[in-house]
Amino acid sequence: MAQRWIWILWPGFVLAIPAVGIAFTLLDPEELHALGAPLAMSRLGAYSLGFLFFWALGAACSALTCLLQRSPFEVNRCPLPAAGRPEGCPKREELGCG
């Protein structure tokens, strides 16, 4: 499980570095406005917030990739033990069967 977190967070981190560099090369944080008013934030705060935004965006993309690459066995596996599955489940152990 820890390995999956690394698969998700590390590519997002690596993506955020050039994304912040490109975004703030084109935009000056001092000139950004929200709802017509200038942002009440320092440049460092804007850089930090932008980095966290791009990191979250990259992590979301990586998480979606991890979700979609799962095998059918992982997707269809039931976390309940065979005896604890609801009635009607084809993989439930019936009393006297098995």
N, C-alpha and C. Protein backbone atom coordinates (compact mmCIF):
# COMPACT_ATOMS: atom_id res chain seq x y z
N MET A 1 0.82 -1.20 0.00
CA MET A 1 0.00 0.00 0.00
C MET A 1 0.87 1.27 0.00
N ALA A 2 1.96 1.23 0.77
CA ALA A 2 2.85 2.39 0.80
C ALA A 2 3.46 2.63 -0.58
N GLN A 3 3.70 1.56 -1.30
CA GLN A 3 4.27 1.70 -2.64
C GLN A 3 3.30 2.43 -3.57
N ARG A 4 2.02 2.18 -3.43
CA ARG A 4 1.04 2.90 -4.26
C ARG A 4 1.03 4.39 -3.95
N TRP A 5 1.17 4.74 -2.66
CA TRP A 5 1.22 6.16 -2.31
C TRP A 5 2.42 6.83 -2.97
N ILE A 6 3.54 6.11 -3.03
CA ILE A 6 4.72 6.66 -3.70
C ILE A 6 4.45 6.81 -5.19
N TRP A 7 3.78 5.82 -5.78
CA TRP A 7 3.43 5.89 -7.21
C TRP A 7 2.53 7.09 -7.49
N ILE A 8 1.73 7.49 -6.54
CA ILE A 8 0.80 8.60 -6.73
C ILE A 8 1.46 9.95 -6.42
N LEU A 9 2.15 10.05 -5.30
CA LEU A 9 2.66 11.35 -4.85
C LEU A 9 3.94 11.78 -5.57
N TRP A 10 4.85 10.85 -5.88
CA TRP A 10 6.12 11.25 -6.49
C TRP A 10 5.93 11.84 -7.89
N PRO A 11 5.18 11.22 -8.81
CA PRO A 11 5.00 11.86 -10.12
C PRO A 11 4.29 13.21 -10.02
N GLY A 12 3.38 13.35 -9.07
CA GLY A 12 2.72 14.64 -8.87
C GLY A 12 3.71 15.71 -8.42
N PHE A 13 4.65 15.33 -7.56
CA PHE A 13 5.68 16.25 -7.10
C PHE A 13 6.59 16.67 -8.25
N VAL A 14 6.99 15.67 -9.04
CA VAL A 14 7.88 15.95 -10.17
C VAL A 14 7.17 16.82 -11.21
N LEU A 15 5.88 16.63 -11.40
CA LEU A 15 5.11 17.46 -12.33
C LEU A 15 4.97 18.88 -11.82
N ALA A 16 4.81 19.05 -10.51
CA ALA A 16 4.56 20.37 -9.94
C ALA A 16 5.75 21.31 -10.10
N ILE A 17 6.95 20.77 -10.10
CA ILE A 17 8.14 21.62 -10.19
C ILE A 17 8.17 22.41 -11.50
N PRO A 18 8.13 21.75 -12.68
CA PRO A 18 8.14 22.57 -13.90
C PRO A 18 6.83 23.32 -14.13
N ALA A 19 5.72 22.80 -13.63
CA ALA A 19 4.44 23.48 -13.82
C ALA A 19 4.45 24.84 -13.12
N VAL A 20 4.98 24.89 -11.90
CA VAL A 20 5.06 26.15 -11.18
C VAL A 20 6.04 27.08 -11.89
N GLY A 21 7.14 26.52 -12.35
CA GLY A 21 8.12 27.34 -13.08
C GLY A 21 7.52 27.98 -14.32
N ILE A 22 6.77 27.20 -15.08
CA ILE A 22 6.16 27.72 -16.30
C ILE A 22 5.04 28.71 -15.97
N ALA A 23 4.17 28.33 -15.01
CA ALA A 23 3.02 29.18 -14.68
C ALA A 23 3.47 30.55 -14.17
N PHE A 24 4.45 30.56 -13.29
CA PHE A 24 4.84 31.84 -12.71
C PHE A 24 5.90 32.56 -13.54
N THR A 25 6.36 31.95 -14.60
CA THR A 25 7.14 32.69 -15.59
C THR A 25 6.18 33.54 -16.43
N LEU A 26 4.99 33.01 -16.67
CA LEU A 26 4.00 33.72 -17.48
C LEU A 26 3.13 34.67 -16.66
N LEU A 27 2.93 34.37 -15.37
CA LEU A 27 2.06 35.19 -14.51
C LEU A 27 2.85 35.72 -13.33
N ASP A 28 2.64 36.98 -13.02
CA ASP A 28 3.24 37.57 -11.82
C ASP A 28 2.22 37.46 -10.68
N PRO A 29 2.59 36.81 -9.57
CA PRO A 29 1.64 36.65 -8.47
C PRO A 29 1.11 37.98 -7.91
N GLU A 30 1.88 39.04 -8.02
CA GLU A 30 1.44 40.35 -7.51
C GLU A 30 0.32 40.93 -8.37
N GLU A 31 0.18 40.48 -9.62
CA GLU A 31 -0.83 41.02 -10.52
C GLU A 31 -2.08 40.15 -10.61
N LEU A 32 -2.14 39.06 -9.86
CA LEU A 32 -3.32 38.19 -9.88
C LEU A 32 -4.47 38.82 -9.11
N HIS A 33 -5.67 38.65 -9.63
CA HIS A 33 -6.87 39.17 -8.99
C HIS A 33 -7.88 38.05 -8.82
N ALA A 34 -8.63 38.09 -7.75
CA ALA A 34 -9.71 37.15 -7.50
C ALA A 34 -10.98 37.94 -7.25
N LEU A 35 -11.97 37.76 -8.08
CA LEU A 35 -13.25 38.46 -7.99
C LEU A 35 -13.07 39.98 -8.03
N GLY A 36 -12.13 40.44 -8.86
CA GLY A 36 -11.92 41.86 -9.05
C GLY A 36 -11.01 42.53 -8.04
N ALA A 37 -10.63 41.83 -7.00
CA ALA A 37 -9.74 42.41 -5.98
C ALA A 37 -8.39 41.71 -6.04
N PRO A 38 -7.31 42.45 -5.79
CA PRO A 38 -5.99 41.79 -5.80
C PRO A 38 -5.89 40.76 -4.67
N LEU A 39 -5.12 39.71 -4.92
CA LEU A 39 -4.93 38.68 -3.89
C LEU A 39 -4.17 39.26 -2.71
N ALA A 40 -4.65 38.98 -1.53
CA ALA A 40 -3.97 39.45 -0.32
C ALA A 40 -2.98 38.37 0.11
N MET A 41 -1.96 38.17 -0.75
CA MET A 41 -1.00 37.11 -0.50
C MET A 41 0.36 37.55 -1.04
N SER A 42 1.40 37.16 -0.34
CA SER A 42 2.74 37.49 -0.80
C SER A 42 3.11 36.62 -2.00
N ARG A 43 4.21 36.96 -2.65
CA ARG A 43 4.67 36.15 -3.78
C ARG A 43 5.00 34.74 -3.32
N LEU A 44 5.68 34.63 -2.18
CA LEU A 44 6.04 33.31 -1.67
C LEU A 44 4.79 32.49 -1.36
N GLY A 45 3.75 33.11 -0.82
CA GLY A 45 2.50 32.42 -0.55
C GLY A 45 1.85 31.95 -1.84
N ALA A 46 1.88 32.79 -2.87
CA ALA A 46 1.30 32.40 -4.16
C ALA A 46 2.09 31.26 -4.79
N TYR A 47 3.42 31.32 -4.68
CA TYR A 47 4.25 30.23 -5.21
C TYR A 47 3.94 28.93 -4.48
N SER A 48 3.82 29.01 -3.16
CA SER A 48 3.54 27.82 -2.36
C SER A 48 2.17 27.24 -2.69
N LEU A 49 1.18 28.11 -2.76
CA LEU A 49 -0.17 27.66 -3.09
C LEU A 49 -0.23 27.07 -4.50
N GLY A 50 0.47 27.71 -5.44
CA GLY A 50 0.53 27.19 -6.80
C GLY A 50 1.21 25.83 -6.85
N PHE A 51 2.29 25.67 -6.08
CA PHE A 51 2.97 24.38 -6.04
C PHE A 51 2.05 23.29 -5.50
N LEU A 52 1.37 23.59 -4.40
CA LEU A 52 0.46 22.60 -3.82
C LEU A 52 -0.69 22.27 -4.77
N PHE A 53 -1.19 23.28 -5.50
CA PHE A 53 -2.25 23.04 -6.48
C PHE A 53 -1.76 22.11 -7.59
N PHE A 54 -0.60 22.41 -8.15
CA PHE A 54 -0.08 21.57 -9.23
C PHE A 54 0.31 20.18 -8.73
N TRP A 55 0.76 20.08 -7.49
CA TRP A 55 1.09 18.78 -6.92
C TRP A 55 -0.19 17.95 -6.76
N ALA A 56 -1.26 18.58 -6.27
CA ALA A 56 -2.54 17.87 -6.12
C ALA A 56 -3.08 17.45 -7.49
N LEU A 57 -2.94 18.31 -8.48
CA LEU A 57 -3.40 17.97 -9.83
C LEU A 57 -2.63 16.78 -10.39
N GLY A 58 -1.31 16.80 -10.24
CA GLY A 58 -0.49 15.68 -10.70
C GLY A 58 -0.77 14.41 -9.93
N ALA A 59 -0.99 14.52 -8.62
CA ALA A 59 -1.30 13.35 -7.81
C ALA A 59 -2.66 12.77 -8.20
N ALA A 60 -3.62 13.63 -8.53
CA ALA A 60 -4.93 13.14 -8.97
C ALA A 60 -4.81 12.37 -10.27
N CYS A 61 -3.98 12.85 -11.19
CA CYS A 61 -3.76 12.14 -12.45
C CYS A 61 -3.10 10.78 -12.19
N SER A 62 -2.12 10.75 -11.30
CA SER A 62 -1.44 9.50 -10.98
C SER A 62 -2.39 8.54 -10.26
N ALA A 63 -3.24 9.06 -9.39
CA ALA A 63 -4.20 8.21 -8.69
C ALA A 63 -5.18 7.59 -9.67
N LEU A 64 -5.63 8.37 -10.64
CA LEU A 64 -6.53 7.83 -11.65
C LEU A 64 -5.84 6.74 -12.46
N THR A 65 -4.57 6.94 -12.79
CA THR A 65 -3.82 5.92 -13.50
C THR A 65 -3.71 4.65 -12.67
N CYS A 66 -3.41 4.77 -11.38
CA CYS A 66 -3.33 3.59 -10.51
C CYS A 66 -4.68 2.89 -10.40
N LEU A 67 -5.75 3.66 -10.36
CA LEU A 67 -7.08 3.07 -10.29
C LEU A 67 -7.40 2.28 -11.55
N LEU A 68 -7.07 2.85 -12.69
CA LEU A 68 -7.42 2.21 -13.97
C LEU A 68 -6.51 1.06 -14.35
N GLN A 69 -5.33 0.94 -13.75
CA GLN A 69 -4.43 -0.15 -14.11
C GLN A 69 -4.62 -1.40 -13.24
N ARG A 70 -5.57 -1.35 -12.31
CA ARG A 70 -5.81 -2.51 -11.45
C ARG A 70 -6.32 -3.68 -12.26
N SER A 71 -5.94 -4.88 -11.84
CA SER A 71 -6.38 -6.09 -12.54
C SER A 71 -7.83 -6.40 -12.20
N PRO A 72 -8.51 -7.20 -13.04
CA PRO A 72 -9.89 -7.57 -12.72
C PRO A 72 -10.00 -8.32 -11.39
N PHE A 73 -8.96 -9.08 -11.04
CA PHE A 73 -8.99 -9.79 -9.76
C PHE A 73 -9.04 -8.80 -8.59
N GLU A 74 -8.25 -7.73 -8.67
CA GLU A 74 -8.25 -6.73 -7.60
C GLU A 74 -9.57 -5.98 -7.52
N VAL A 75 -10.18 -5.70 -8.66
CA VAL A 75 -11.43 -4.95 -8.69
C VAL A 75 -12.58 -5.80 -8.15
N ASN A 76 -12.62 -7.07 -8.52
CA ASN A 76 -13.75 -7.93 -8.18
C ASN A 76 -13.56 -8.70 -6.88
N ARG A 77 -12.42 -8.56 -6.23
CA ARG A 77 -12.17 -9.30 -4.99
C ARG A 77 -13.08 -8.76 -3.89
N CYS A 78 -13.71 -9.65 -3.18
CA CYS A 78 -14.58 -9.28 -2.07
C CYS A 78 -13.77 -9.24 -0.78
N PRO A 79 -13.82 -8.16 0.00
CA PRO A 79 -13.02 -8.09 1.22
C PRO A 79 -13.58 -8.91 2.38
N LEU A 80 -14.80 -9.41 2.23
CA LEU A 80 -15.43 -10.18 3.31
C LEU A 80 -15.01 -11.64 3.23
N PRO A 81 -14.89 -12.30 4.39
CA PRO A 81 -14.64 -13.74 4.37
C PRO A 81 -15.83 -14.47 3.76
N ALA A 82 -15.59 -15.65 3.21
CA ALA A 82 -16.65 -16.38 2.49
C ALA A 82 -17.89 -16.60 3.36
N ALA A 83 -17.71 -16.87 4.65
CA ALA A 83 -18.87 -17.12 5.52
C ALA A 83 -19.62 -15.83 5.86
N GLY A 84 -19.00 -14.68 5.73
CA GLY A 84 -19.63 -13.43 6.11
C GLY A 84 -20.25 -12.66 4.96
N ARG A 85 -20.31 -13.25 3.79
CA ARG A 85 -20.87 -12.56 2.62
C ARG A 85 -22.39 -12.60 2.67
N PRO A 86 -23.07 -11.64 2.07
CA PRO A 86 -24.53 -11.60 2.14
C PRO A 86 -25.17 -12.75 1.39
N GLU A 87 -26.41 -13.02 1.77
CA GLU A 87 -27.15 -14.09 1.10
C GLU A 87 -27.34 -13.73 -0.36
N GLY A 88 -27.23 -14.74 -1.21
CA GLY A 88 -27.37 -14.51 -2.64
C GLY A 88 -26.03 -14.33 -3.34
N CYS A 89 -24.97 -14.14 -2.57
CA CYS A 89 -23.64 -14.00 -3.17
C CYS A 89 -23.19 -15.37 -3.66
N PRO A 90 -22.79 -15.48 -4.93
CA PRO A 90 -22.42 -16.80 -5.46
C PRO A 90 -21.17 -17.40 -4.80
N LYS A 91 -20.37 -16.60 -4.14
CA LYS A 91 -19.16 -17.13 -3.53
C LYS A 91 -19.32 -17.32 -2.01
N ARG A 92 -20.54 -17.24 -1.54
CA ARG A 92 -20.78 -17.43 -0.11
C ARG A 92 -20.77 -18.91 0.21
N GLU A 93 -20.15 -19.25 1.32
CA GLU A 93 -20.15 -20.65 1.76
C GLU A 93 -21.49 -20.94 2.42
N GLU A 94 -22.21 -21.86 1.86
CA GLU A 94 -23.48 -22.27 2.45
C GLU A 94 -23.20 -23.37 3.48
N LEU A 95 -24.04 -23.43 4.49
CA LEU A 95 -23.87 -24.47 5.51
C LEU A 95 -24.07 -25.83 4.86
N GLY A 96 -23.14 -26.74 5.12
CA GLY A 96 -23.23 -28.08 4.57
C GLY A 96 -22.64 -28.20 3.19
N CYS A 97 -22.24 -27.10 2.55
CA CYS A 97 -21.64 -27.14 1.23
C CYS A 97 -20.18 -26.73 1.36
N GLY A 98 -19.27 -27.55 1.01
CA GLY A 98 -17.87 -27.16 1.02
C GLY A 98 -17.16 -27.89 2.03
